[in-house]
């Protein structure tokens, strides 16, 4: 016989049983998310500067991979900053 999941009877019971869902709920509110998205932004900006960037050196953001990475990390960090809890 197939057992259907029951509704949680206590307010915090669902988060304890969720397993991976509880991890993602904590991760989405943590500063680890900020660091992860900042690293992804730095990697994306470095890739853009390397493959597409300015070859003459006159473009301030894409003329150097390091500057583009720093800018991408800052933008990623701001975009990934956790929102305030309500």
Protein backbone atom coordinates (compact mmCIF):
# COMPACT_ATOMS: atom_id res chain seq x y z
CA UNK A 1 0.00 0.00 0.00
CA UNK A 2 1.26 3.47 -0.86
CA UNK A 3 1.56 5.84 2.08
CA UNK A 4 0.75 9.45 1.28
CA UNK A 5 2.73 12.20 3.02
CA UNK A 6 0.86 13.78 5.89
CA UNK A 7 0.59 17.44 6.69
CA UNK A 8 2.97 18.70 9.40
CA UNK A 9 1.31 19.10 12.75
CA UNK A 10 3.95 21.38 14.29
CA UNK A 11 5.19 24.64 12.71
CA UNK A 12 8.85 23.52 12.38
CA UNK A 13 8.16 19.88 11.62
CA UNK A 14 8.14 20.33 7.85
CA UNK A 15 11.63 21.89 7.77
CA UNK A 16 13.10 19.03 9.81
CA UNK A 17 11.71 16.35 7.53
CA UNK A 18 12.48 18.15 4.29
CA UNK A 19 16.16 17.13 4.11
CA UNK A 20 17.57 18.71 0.96
CA UNK A 21 14.75 21.25 0.89
CA UNK A 22 15.79 22.52 4.30
CA UNK A 23 19.36 22.90 3.07
CA UNK A 24 18.26 25.03 0.11
CA UNK A 25 16.01 27.10 2.35
CA UNK A 26 18.96 27.89 4.66
CA UNK A 27 21.33 28.40 1.72
CA UNK A 28 19.03 30.91 0.05
CA UNK A 29 19.17 33.11 3.18
CA UNK A 30 22.91 32.76 3.90
CA UNK A 31 26.00 34.68 2.88
CA UNK A 32 27.32 31.51 1.26
CA UNK A 33 24.85 32.27 -1.52
CA UNK A 34 26.39 35.73 -1.84
CA UNK A 35 29.89 34.27 -2.15
CA UNK A 36 28.74 31.63 -4.64
CA UNK A 37 27.01 34.14 -6.89
CA UNK A 38 29.99 36.51 -6.59
CA UNK A 39 32.31 33.72 -7.78
CA UNK A 40 29.97 32.93 -10.66
CA UNK A 41 29.87 36.62 -11.59
CA UNK A 42 33.66 36.86 -11.49
CA UNK A 43 33.98 33.80 -13.69
CA UNK A 44 31.41 35.05 -16.19
CA UNK A 45 33.05 38.48 -16.38
CA UNK A 46 36.52 36.96 -16.80
CA UNK A 47 35.21 34.71 -19.56
CA UNK A 48 33.61 37.68 -21.28
CA UNK A 49 36.82 39.73 -21.01
CA UNK A 50 38.90 36.85 -22.35
CA UNK A 51 36.71 35.78 -25.26
CA UNK A 52 34.90 38.99 -26.24
CA UNK A 53 36.66 41.84 -24.42
CA UNK A 54 38.41 44.88 -25.74
CA UNK A 55 41.64 44.12 -27.63
CA UNK A 56 42.92 47.70 -27.83
CA UNK A 57 43.04 48.29 -24.07
CA UNK A 58 40.85 51.38 -24.16
CA UNK A 59 37.80 49.78 -22.52
CA UNK A 60 38.16 50.18 -18.75
CA UNK A 61 36.15 47.11 -17.69
CA UNK A 62 37.03 44.51 -20.30
CA UNK A 63 40.62 45.44 -21.16
CA UNK A 64 41.95 43.35 -18.25
CA UNK A 65 40.63 40.00 -17.05
CA UNK A 66 41.37 41.02 -13.45
CA UNK A 67 39.33 44.22 -13.61
CA UNK A 68 36.44 42.43 -15.27
CA UNK A 69 36.58 39.68 -12.63
CA UNK A 70 36.54 42.19 -9.79
CA UNK A 71 33.62 44.06 -11.33
CA UNK A 72 31.73 40.79 -11.95
CA UNK A 73 32.33 39.68 -8.35
CA UNK A 74 30.98 42.97 -6.98
CA UNK A 75 27.91 42.85 -9.21
CA UNK A 76 27.35 39.17 -8.35
CA UNK A 77 27.75 39.88 -4.64
CA UNK A 78 25.19 42.66 -4.76
CA UNK A 79 22.78 40.52 -6.81
CA UNK A 80 23.20 37.55 -4.48
CA UNK A 81 22.89 39.42 -1.20
CA UNK A 82 20.18 37.77 0.93
CA UNK A 83 16.98 39.72 1.46
CA UNK A 84 15.83 40.70 4.93
CA UNK A 85 13.64 38.21 6.71
CA UNK A 86 10.05 39.31 7.04
